[in-house]
Amino acid sequence: MRTPASRRRSGGRSTPSRPRCTPGISLPESLSSTAPAAQMVEINESRSARDAYDGIASLQPHSTRYKLFPGDTIIGLGRQSREPFGLQANRGIYSVERWADLPRICPEMQRVTFINTFTAIGGPAINKNGSVIGILFHSLSFTPFLPSNVILKWWEYFKTTGKYCCPMISFVGCNLHNGRSSRWVNVPTSLHEGLDGILVEMASRELLSAGLQEKYLIIRCNGKRVTTRLQLFEVLVENIGQIVEVANLTGYY
């Protein structure tokens, strides 16, 4: 997908607190035949800690989306790596910290603080309401999971077209609050609507020639406000095969 020329403004960021890891638990094998089917829900990311009101109303009655906050409990289900390969549940907390390899593997991946085994790959990531919010993968220091947003949109596209398609974004970028170093941190958030954005770290030649440069901050795509890579993915997957327009903030290097 291509993203033509951009507009100019300015922006800023904040740094989240570091979460702590919590231990895992084991479940009896008998649960595999008695557990009811879980609902898969999409997530909305938040870089700020949960407050008392959000604790009551994370999932609104009229919404199918779950608002995920740093420090929220996530349970990962999978099989144990040794016979009899019983069910295993690991409990950790949602983290917005950056994983160095994520941009090269899948920038939409989220992370949780527990460490699972290879046999748990493909298992569900479950929130405190019992809904599936993603599918687990494996890493040595934490567990990445692919959000339901991506899974459901890929599935709908496949059901509609009979084809598998993943948008080619053609640039490496991160959520602004995950940027390793950027002068955007010195810019008042009021200058970019007080929200986050996607910091461009590397761009293909095609996008560079179209006007998207490194260290630009993407804040809109096709007129929609985007604050994270996951939100950008959702806009792109709705416009597969089409040219999209992005609005950028520039001027801080």
C-alpha atoms as a PDB file:
ATOM      1  CA  MET A   1       0.000   0.000   0.000  1.00  0.00           C
ATOM      2  CA  ARG A   2       1.208   3.510  -0.723  1.00  0.00           C
ATOM      3  CA  THR A   3       0.903   6.600   1.391  1.00  0.00           C
ATOM      4  CA  PRO A   4       1.262   9.881  -0.532  1.00  0.00           C
ATOM      5  CA  ALA A   5       2.220  13.351   0.587  1.00  0.00           C
ATOM      6  CA  SER A   6       1.762  14.655   4.093  1.00  0.00           C
ATOM      7  CA  ARG A   7       0.749  17.745   6.065  1.00  0.00           C
ATOM      8  CA  ARG A   8       2.786  19.454   8.812  1.00  0.00           C
ATOM      9  CA  ARG A   9       2.243  20.174  12.506  1.00  0.00           C
ATOM     10  CA  SER A  10       4.057  19.315  15.805  1.00  0.00           C
ATOM     11  CA  GLY A  11       3.776  16.774  18.838  1.00  0.00           C
ATOM     12  CA  GLY A  12       4.912  15.048  22.217  1.00  0.00           C
ATOM     13  CA  ARG A  13       4.930  11.869  24.389  1.00  0.00           C
ATOM     14  CA  SER A  14       4.913  10.438  27.914  1.00  0.00           C
ATOM     15  CA  THR A  15       6.675   7.437  29.479  1.00  0.00           C
ATOM     16  CA  PRO A  16       4.625   4.635  31.131  1.00  0.00           C
ATOM     17  CA  SER A  17       5.587   2.945  34.391  1.00  0.00           C
ATOM     18  CA  ARG A  18       7.329  -0.444  34.379  1.00  0.00           C
ATOM     19  CA  PRO A  19       4.997  -3.376  35.222  1.00  0.00           C
ATOM     20  CA  ARG A  20       5.801  -6.350  37.477  1.00  0.00           C
ATOM     21  CA  CYS A  21       5.444 -10.027  36.620  1.00  0.00           C
ATOM     22  CA  THR A  22       3.109 -12.380  38.503  1.00  0.00           C
ATOM     23  CA  PRO A  23       3.359 -16.194  38.742  1.00  0.00           C
ATOM     24  CA  GLY A  24       1.508 -18.819  36.738  1.00  0.00           C
ATOM     25  CA  ILE A  25      -0.836 -21.642  37.742  1.00  0.00           C
ATOM     26  CA  SER A  26      -1.646 -25.130  36.405  1.00  0.00           C
ATOM     27  CA  LEU A  27      -5.115 -26.381  35.525  1.00  0.00           C
ATOM     28  CA  PRO A  28      -6.410 -29.969  35.595  1.00  0.00           C
ATOM     29  CA  GLU A  29      -6.790 -31.825  32.326  1.00  0.00           C
ATOM     30  CA  SER A  30     -10.539 -32.261  32.903  1.00  0.00           C
ATOM     31  CA  LEU A  31     -11.175 -28.584  32.150  1.00  0.00           C
ATOM     32  CA  SER A  32     -10.406 -29.168  28.486  1.00  0.00           C
ATOM     33  CA  SER A  33     -13.775 -30.888  27.998  1.00  0.00           C
ATOM     34  CA  THR A  34     -15.908 -28.716  30.283  1.00  0.00           C
ATOM     35  CA  ALA A  35     -14.790 -25.153  29.566  1.00  0.00           C
ATOM     36  CA  PRO A  36     -17.362 -23.156  27.552  1.00  0.00           C
ATOM     37  CA  ALA A  37     -16.443 -21.362  24.341  1.00  0.00           C
ATOM     38  CA  ALA A  38     -14.994 -17.891  24.961  1.00  0.00           C
ATOM     39  CA  GLN A  39     -15.919 -14.763  23.033  1.00  0.00           C
ATOM     40  CA  MET A  40     -13.175 -13.066  21.018  1.00  0.00           C
ATOM     41  CA  VAL A  41     -13.190  -9.279  21.433  1.00  0.00           C
ATOM     42  CA  GLU A  42     -11.100  -6.526  19.888  1.00  0.00           C
ATOM     43  CA  ILE A  43      -9.054  -4.215  22.097  1.00  0.00           C
ATOM     44  CA  ASN A  44      -8.427  -0.504  22.388  1.00  0.00           C
ATOM     45  CA  GLU A  45      -4.953   0.226  23.764  1.00  0.00           C
ATOM     46  CA  SER A  46      -4.310   2.768  26.489  1.00  0.00           C
ATOM     47  CA  ARG A  47      -0.871   3.994  27.548  1.00  0.00           C
ATOM     48  CA  SER A  48      -2.218   5.420  30.842  1.00  0.00           C
ATOM     49  CA  ALA A  49      -2.990   3.498  34.020  1.00  0.00           C
ATOM     50  CA  ARG A  50      -6.576   2.481  34.730  1.00  0.00           C
ATOM     51  CA  ASP A  51      -8.622   4.765  36.999  1.00  0.00           C
ATOM     52  CA  ALA A  52     -11.575   3.823  39.208  1.00  0.00           C
ATOM     53  CA  TYR A  53     -14.208   4.580  36.553  1.00  0.00           C
ATOM     54  CA  ASP A  54     -12.433   2.598  33.834  1.00  0.00           C
ATOM     55  CA  GLY A  55     -12.225  -0.326  36.243  1.00  0.00           C
ATOM     56  CA  ILE A  56     -16.016  -0.424  36.263  1.00  0.00           C
ATOM     57  CA  ALA A  57     -16.671   0.210  32.589  1.00  0.00           C
ATOM     58  CA  SER A  58     -13.867  -1.273  30.464  1.00  0.00           C
ATOM     59  CA  LEU A  59     -16.364  -2.931  28.127  1.00  0.00           C
ATOM     60  CA  GLN A  60     -19.405  -0.773  27.447  1.00  0.00           C
ATOM     61  CA  PRO A  61     -22.743  -2.553  26.768  1.00  0.00           C
ATOM     62  CA  HIS A  62     -22.958  -1.058  23.261  1.00  0.00           C
ATOM     63  CA  SER A  63     -19.336  -1.875  22.373  1.00  0.00           C
ATOM     64  CA  THR A  64     -17.576  -5.096  21.382  1.00  0.00           C
ATOM     65  CA  ARG A  65     -14.179  -3.612  22.240  1.00  0.00           C
ATOM     66  CA  TYR A  66     -12.278  -4.015  25.478  1.00  0.00           C
ATOM     67  CA  LYS A  67     -10.114  -1.134  26.695  1.00  0.00           C
ATOM     68  CA  LEU A  68      -6.766  -2.545  27.771  1.00  0.00           C
ATOM     69  CA  PHE A  69      -4.671  -0.604  30.295  1.00  0.00           C
ATOM     70  CA  PRO A  70      -1.037  -1.069  31.411  1.00  0.00           C
ATOM     71  CA  GLY A  71      -1.061  -3.324  34.463  1.00  0.00           C
ATOM     72  CA  ASP A  72      -4.266  -5.176  33.511  1.00  0.00           C
ATOM     73  CA  THR A  73      -4.232  -8.899  34.276  1.00  0.00           C
ATOM     74  CA  ILE A  74      -3.998 -11.265  31.298  1.00  0.00           C
ATOM     75  CA  ILE A  75      -4.153 -15.060  31.497  1.00  0.00           C
ATOM     76  CA  GLY A  76      -2.537 -17.224  28.827  1.00  0.00           C
ATOM     77  CA  LEU A  77      -3.813 -20.770  28.283  1.00  0.00           C
ATOM     78  CA  GLY A  78      -1.732 -23.522  26.724  1.00  0.00           C
ATOM     79  CA  ARG A  79      -0.458 -27.075  27.091  1.00  0.00           C
ATOM     80  CA  GLN A  80       2.322 -28.159  29.402  1.00  0.00           C
ATOM     81  CA  SER A  81       5.500 -29.196  27.601  1.00  0.00           C
ATOM     82  CA  ARG A  82       5.687 -32.645  29.264  1.00  0.00           C
ATOM     83  CA  GLU A  83       3.342 -35.598  29.380  1.00  0.00           C
ATOM     84  CA  PRO A  84       0.436 -35.807  29.950  1.00  0.00           C
ATOM     85  CA  PHE A  85       0.438 -32.337  28.290  1.00  0.00           C
ATOM     86  CA  GLY A  86      -2.241 -30.970  30.594  1.00  0.00           C
ATOM     87  CA  LEU A  87      -3.626 -27.467  30.435  1.00  0.00           C
ATOM     88  CA  GLN A  88      -1.507 -24.677  31.844  1.00  0.00           C
ATOM     89  CA  ALA A  89      -2.491 -21.112  32.715  1.00  0.00           C
ATOM     90  CA  ASN A  90       0.056 -18.325  33.095  1.00  0.00           C
ATOM     91  CA  ARG A  91      -0.933 -15.036  34.657  1.00  0.00           C
ATOM     92  CA  GLY A  92       0.791 -11.745  33.931  1.00  0.00           C
ATOM     93  CA  ILE A  93       0.070  -8.111  33.282  1.00  0.00           C
ATOM     94  CA  TYR A  94      -0.273  -6.096  30.088  1.00  0.00           C
ATOM     95  CA  SER A  95       2.779  -3.997  29.257  1.00  0.00           C
ATOM     96  CA  VAL A  96       3.184  -1.144  26.778  1.00  0.00           C
ATOM     97  CA  GLU A  97       6.978  -1.390  26.851  1.00  0.00           C
ATOM     98  CA  ARG A  98       8.626  -1.966  23.517  1.00  0.00           C
ATOM     99  CA  TRP A  99      10.096  -5.216  22.269  1.00  0.00           C
ATOM    100  CA  ALA A 100      13.148  -4.550  20.075  1.00  0.00           C
ATOM    101  CA  ASP A 101      12.237  -7.238  17.507  1.00  0.00           C
ATOM    102  CA  LEU A 102       8.562  -6.308  17.165  1.00  0.00           C
ATOM    103  CA  PRO A 103       8.940  -3.907  14.187  1.00  0.00           C
ATOM    104  CA  ARG A 104      10.622  -6.647  12.149  1.00  0.00           C
ATOM    105  CA  ILE A 105       8.241  -9.426  13.107  1.00  0.00           C
ATOM    106  CA  CYS A 106       4.820  -7.862  13.631  1.00  0.00           C
ATOM    107  CA  PRO A 107       4.483  -4.291  14.926  1.00  0.00           C
ATOM    108  CA  GLU A 108       0.862  -4.895  15.941  1.00  0.00           C
ATOM    109  CA  MET A 109       1.928  -7.464  18.553  1.00  0.00           C
ATOM    110  CA  GLN A 110       1.216  -6.667  22.214  1.00  0.00           C
ATOM    111  CA  ARG A 111       3.099  -8.027  25.218  1.00  0.00           C
ATOM    112  CA  VAL A 112       2.322  -9.544  28.608  1.00  0.00           C
ATOM    113  CA  THR A 113       4.819 -10.152  31.421  1.00  0.00           C
ATOM    114  CA  PHE A 114       4.493 -13.925  31.941  1.00  0.00           C
ATOM    115  CA  ILE A 115       6.711 -16.390  30.074  1.00  0.00           C
ATOM    116  CA  ASN A 116       5.010 -19.324  28.372  1.00  0.00           C
ATOM    117  CA  THR A 117       6.410 -22.432  26.670  1.00  0.00           C
ATOM    118  CA  PHE A 118       6.572 -23.332  22.989  1.00  0.00           C
ATOM    119  CA  THR A 119       3.628 -25.682  23.510  1.00  0.00           C
ATOM    120  CA  ALA A 120       1.473 -22.690  24.486  1.00  0.00           C
ATOM    121  CA  ILE A 121       1.962 -20.971  21.114  1.00  0.00           C
ATOM    122  CA  GLY A 122      -1.453 -20.481  19.521  1.00  0.00           C
ATOM    123  CA  GLY A 123      -3.277 -20.513  22.849  1.00  0.00           C
ATOM    124  CA  PRO A 124      -5.673 -17.723  23.854  1.00  0.00           C
ATOM    125  CA  ALA A 125      -4.803 -14.548  25.747  1.00  0.00           C
ATOM    126  CA  ILE A 126      -7.751 -13.926  28.077  1.00  0.00           C
ATOM    127  CA  ASN A 127      -8.753 -10.761  29.933  1.00  0.00           C
ATOM    128  CA  LYS A 128     -10.281 -10.602  33.418  1.00  0.00           C
ATOM    129  CA  ASN A 129     -13.789 -10.808  31.918  1.00  0.00           C
ATOM    130  CA  GLY A 130     -13.022 -14.183  30.355  1.00  0.00           C
ATOM    131  CA  SER A 131     -12.944 -12.876  26.769  1.00  0.00           C
ATOM    132  CA  VAL A 132     -10.219 -13.817  24.287  1.00  0.00           C
ATOM    133  CA  ILE A 133      -8.246 -10.713  23.292  1.00  0.00           C
ATOM    134  CA  GLY A 134      -5.523 -12.393  21.240  1.00  0.00           C
ATOM    135  CA  ILE A 135      -3.392 -15.428  20.390  1.00  0.00           C
ATOM    136  CA  LEU A 136      -0.162 -16.196  22.253  1.00  0.00           C
ATOM    137  CA  PHE A 137       3.323 -16.487  20.797  1.00  0.00           C
ATOM    138  CA  HIS A 138       6.666 -17.077  22.528  1.00  0.00           C
ATOM    139  CA  SER A 139       9.711 -15.088  23.601  1.00  0.00           C
ATOM    140  CA  LEU A 140      12.480 -15.704  26.128  1.00  0.00           C
ATOM    141  CA  SER A 141      11.736 -12.740  28.408  1.00  0.00           C
ATOM    142  CA  PHE A 142       7.961 -12.202  28.074  1.00  0.00           C
ATOM    143  CA  THR A 143       5.027 -13.352  25.935  1.00  0.00           C
ATOM    144  CA  PRO A 144       3.872 -11.503  22.808  1.00  0.00           C
ATOM    145  CA  PHE A 145       0.287 -11.894  21.643  1.00  0.00           C
ATOM    146  CA  LEU A 146      -1.461 -11.008  18.397  1.00  0.00           C
ATOM    147  CA  PRO A 147      -4.577  -8.925  19.172  1.00  0.00           C
ATOM    148  CA  SER A 148      -8.037 -10.130  18.175  1.00  0.00           C
ATOM    149  CA  ASN A 149      -8.361  -6.988  16.031  1.00  0.00           C
ATOM    150  CA  VAL A 150      -5.870  -8.401  13.533  1.00  0.00           C
ATOM    151  CA  ILE A 151      -7.191 -11.958  13.672  1.00  0.00           C
ATOM    152  CA  LEU A 152     -10.843 -10.998  13.113  1.00  0.00           C
ATOM    153  CA  LYS A 153     -10.071  -8.617  10.247  1.00  0.00           C
ATOM    154  CA  TRP A 154      -7.914 -11.197   8.480  1.00  0.00           C
ATOM    155  CA  TRP A 155     -10.692 -13.771   8.949  1.00  0.00           C
ATOM    156  CA  GLU A 156     -13.403 -11.447   7.579  1.00  0.00           C
ATOM    157  CA  TYR A 157     -11.251 -10.626   4.553  1.00  0.00           C
ATOM    158  CA  PHE A 158     -10.635 -14.317   3.896  1.00  0.00           C
ATOM    159  CA  LYS A 159     -14.342 -15.168   4.192  1.00  0.00           C
ATOM    160  CA  THR A 160     -15.226 -12.352   1.781  1.00  0.00           C
ATOM    161  CA  THR A 161     -12.531 -12.882  -0.861  1.00  0.00           C
ATOM    162  CA  GLY A 162     -11.244 -16.413  -0.288  1.00  0.00           C
ATOM    163  CA  LYS A 163      -7.737 -14.936  -0.233  1.00  0.00           C
ATOM    164  CA  TYR A 164      -5.149 -14.249   2.458  1.00  0.00           C
ATOM    165  CA  CYS A 165      -3.783 -10.717   2.409  1.00  0.00           C
ATOM    166  CA  CYS A 166      -1.615  -8.739   4.815  1.00  0.00           C
ATOM    167  CA  PRO A 167      -1.196  -5.000   4.077  1.00  0.00           C
ATOM    168  CA  MET A 168       2.367  -4.025   3.175  1.00  0.00           C
ATOM    169  CA  ILE A 169       2.949  -0.920   5.270  1.00  0.00           C
ATOM    170  CA  SER A 170       6.511  -0.452   3.919  1.00  0.00           C
ATOM    171  CA  PHE A 171       7.894   1.402   6.907  1.00  0.00           C
ATOM    172  CA  VAL A 172       9.195   0.650  10.384  1.00  0.00           C
ATOM    173  CA  GLY A 173       7.624   2.719  13.123  1.00  0.00           C
ATOM    174  CA  CYS A 174       6.539   2.591  16.732  1.00  0.00           C
ATOM    175  CA  ASN A 175       3.980   4.140  19.030  1.00  0.00           C
ATOM    176  CA  LEU A 176       5.359   7.502  20.138  1.00  0.00           C
ATOM    177  CA  HIS A 177       5.499   6.536  23.814  1.00  0.00           C
ATOM    178  CA  ASN A 178       7.752   3.598  22.818  1.00  0.00           C
ATOM    179  CA  GLY A 179      10.248   5.708  20.868  1.00  0.00           C
ATOM    180  CA  ARG A 180      13.771   5.111  22.152  1.00  0.00           C
ATOM    181  CA  SER A 181      14.782   8.715  21.627  1.00  0.00           C
ATOM    182  CA  SER A 182      12.900  11.538  19.977  1.00  0.00           C
ATOM    183  CA  ARG A 183      12.717  15.294  20.335  1.00  0.00           C
ATOM    184  CA  TRP A 184       8.943  14.963  20.154  1.00  0.00           C
ATOM    185  CA  VAL A 185       9.154  14.375  23.914  1.00  0.00           C
ATOM    186  CA  ASN A 186       9.925  18.089  24.361  1.00  0.00           C
ATOM    187  CA  VAL A 187       6.855  19.233  22.424  1.00  0.00           C
ATOM    188  CA  PRO A 188       3.660  20.066  24.384  1.00  0.00           C
ATOM    189  CA  THR A 189       1.016  17.408  23.777  1.00  0.00           C
ATOM    190  CA  SER A 190      -1.539  20.152  23.083  1.00  0.00           C
ATOM    191  CA  LEU A 191       0.176  20.724  19.740  1.00  0.00           C
ATOM    192  CA  HIS A 192      -0.814  17.267  18.527  1.00  0.00           C
ATOM    193  CA  GLU A 193      -4.284  17.063  20.073  1.00  0.00           C
ATOM    194  CA  GLY A 194      -2.955  15.683  23.356  1.00  0.00           C
ATOM    195  CA  LEU A 195      -2.799  12.143  21.976  1.00  0.00           C
ATOM    196  CA  ASP A 196      -0.184   9.703  20.746  1.00  0.00           C
ATOM    197  CA  GLY A 197       0.973   8.939  17.221  1.00  0.00           C
ATOM    198  CA  ILE A 198       3.183   6.617  15.157  1.00  0.00           C
ATOM    199  CA  LEU A 199       6.838   7.656  14.959  1.00  0.00           C
ATOM    200  CA  VAL A 200       8.403   6.742  11.582  1.00  0.00           C
ATOM    201  CA  GLU A 201      11.840   5.166  12.123  1.00  0.00           C
ATOM    202  CA  MET A 202      12.557   3.734   8.645  1.00  0.00           C
ATOM    203  CA  ALA A 203      10.647   4.128   5.370  1.00  0.00           C
ATOM    204  CA  SER A 204      10.880   2.475   1.958  1.00  0.00           C
ATOM    205  CA  ARG A 205      12.147   4.438  -1.056  1.00  0.00           C
ATOM    206  CA  GLU A 206       8.618   4.548  -2.420  1.00  0.00           C
ATOM    207  CA  LEU A 207       7.267   6.213   0.718  1.00  0.00           C
ATOM    208  CA  LEU A 208      10.256   8.544   0.977  1.00  0.00           C
ATOM    209  CA  SER A 209       9.609   9.757  -2.569  1.00  0.00           C
ATOM    210  CA  ALA A 210       5.913  10.199  -1.697  1.00  0.00           C
ATOM    211  CA  GLY A 211       6.820  12.531   1.153  1.00  0.00           C
ATOM    212  CA  LEU A 212       6.821  10.284   4.232  1.00  0.00           C
ATOM    213  CA  GLN A 213      10.159  10.843   5.964  1.00  0.00           C
ATOM    214  CA  GLU A 214      11.921   9.285   8.922  1.00  0.00           C
ATOM    215  CA  LYS A 215      11.136  10.908  12.308  1.00  0.00           C
ATOM    216  CA  TYR A 216       7.749  12.116  11.059  1.00  0.00           C
ATOM    217  CA  LEU A 217       4.840  11.538  13.423  1.00  0.00           C
ATOM    218  CA  ILE A 218       1.744  10.023  11.773  1.00  0.00           C
ATOM    219  CA  ILE A 219      -1.463  11.234  13.436  1.00  0.00           C
ATOM    220  CA  ARG A 220      -4.165  10.557  10.809  1.00  0.00           C
ATOM    221  CA  CYS A 221      -4.812   8.048   8.040  1.00  0.00           C
ATOM    222  CA  ASN A 222      -7.646   8.610   5.549  1.00  0.00           C
ATOM    223  CA  GLY A 223      -9.057  11.249   7.869  1.00  0.00           C
ATOM    224  CA  LYS A 224      -9.171   8.957  10.928  1.00  0.00           C
ATOM    225  CA  ARG A 225      -7.150   9.779  14.047  1.00  0.00           C
ATOM    226  CA  VAL A 226      -4.556   7.045  14.642  1.00  0.00           C
ATOM    227  CA  THR A 227      -2.522   6.897  17.845  1.00  0.00           C
ATOM    228  CA  THR A 228      -1.009   3.375  17.639  1.00  0.00           C
ATOM    229  CA  ARG A 229       0.282   0.926  15.027  1.00  0.00           C
ATOM    230  CA  LEU A 230      -2.731  -1.296  15.727  1.00  0.00           C
ATOM    231  CA  GLN A 231      -5.142   1.513  14.827  1.00  0.00           C
ATOM    232  CA  LEU A 232      -3.142   2.247  11.670  1.00  0.00           C
ATOM    233  CA  PHE A 233      -3.358  -1.427  10.686  1.00  0.00           C
ATOM    234  CA  GLU A 234      -7.136  -1.358  11.059  1.00  0.00           C
ATOM    235  CA  VAL A 235      -7.439   1.603   8.679  1.00  0.00           C
ATOM    236  CA  LEU A 236      -5.073   0.028   6.143  1.00  0.00           C
ATOM    237  CA  VAL A 237      -6.834  -3.330   6.127  1.00  0.00           C
ATOM    238  CA  GLU A 238     -10.094  -1.523   5.304  1.00  0.00           C
ATOM    239  CA  ASN A 239      -8.381  -0.022   2.238  1.00  0.00           C
ATOM    240  CA  ILE A 240      -6.475  -2.971   0.782  1.00  0.00           C
ATOM    241  CA  GLY A 241      -5.412  -2.224  -2.797  1.00  0.00           C
ATOM    242  CA  GLN A 242      -6.171   1.502  -2.469  1.00  0.00           C
ATOM    243  CA  ILE A 243      -4.037   4.585  -1.941  1.00  0.00           C
ATOM    244  CA  VAL A 244      -4.399   6.092   1.527  1.00  0.00           C
ATOM    245  CA  GLU A 245      -3.608   9.620   2.685  1.00  0.00           C
ATOM    246  CA  VAL A 246      -1.701  10.275   5.900  1.00  0.00           C
ATOM    247  CA  ALA A 247      -1.336  13.452   7.943  1.00  0.00           C
ATOM    248  CA  ASN A 248       2.055  13.909   9.611  1.00  0.00           C
ATOM    249  CA  LEU A 249       3.651  16.203  12.133  1.00  0.00           C
ATOM    250  CA  THR A 250       7.142  17.334  11.114  1.00  0.00           C
ATOM    251  CA  GLY A 251       9.942  19.597  12.214  1.00  0.00           C
ATOM    252  CA  TYR A 252      11.564  17.893  15.260  1.00  0.00           C
ATOM    253  CA  TYR A 253      14.793  15.979  14.633  1.00  0.00           C
END
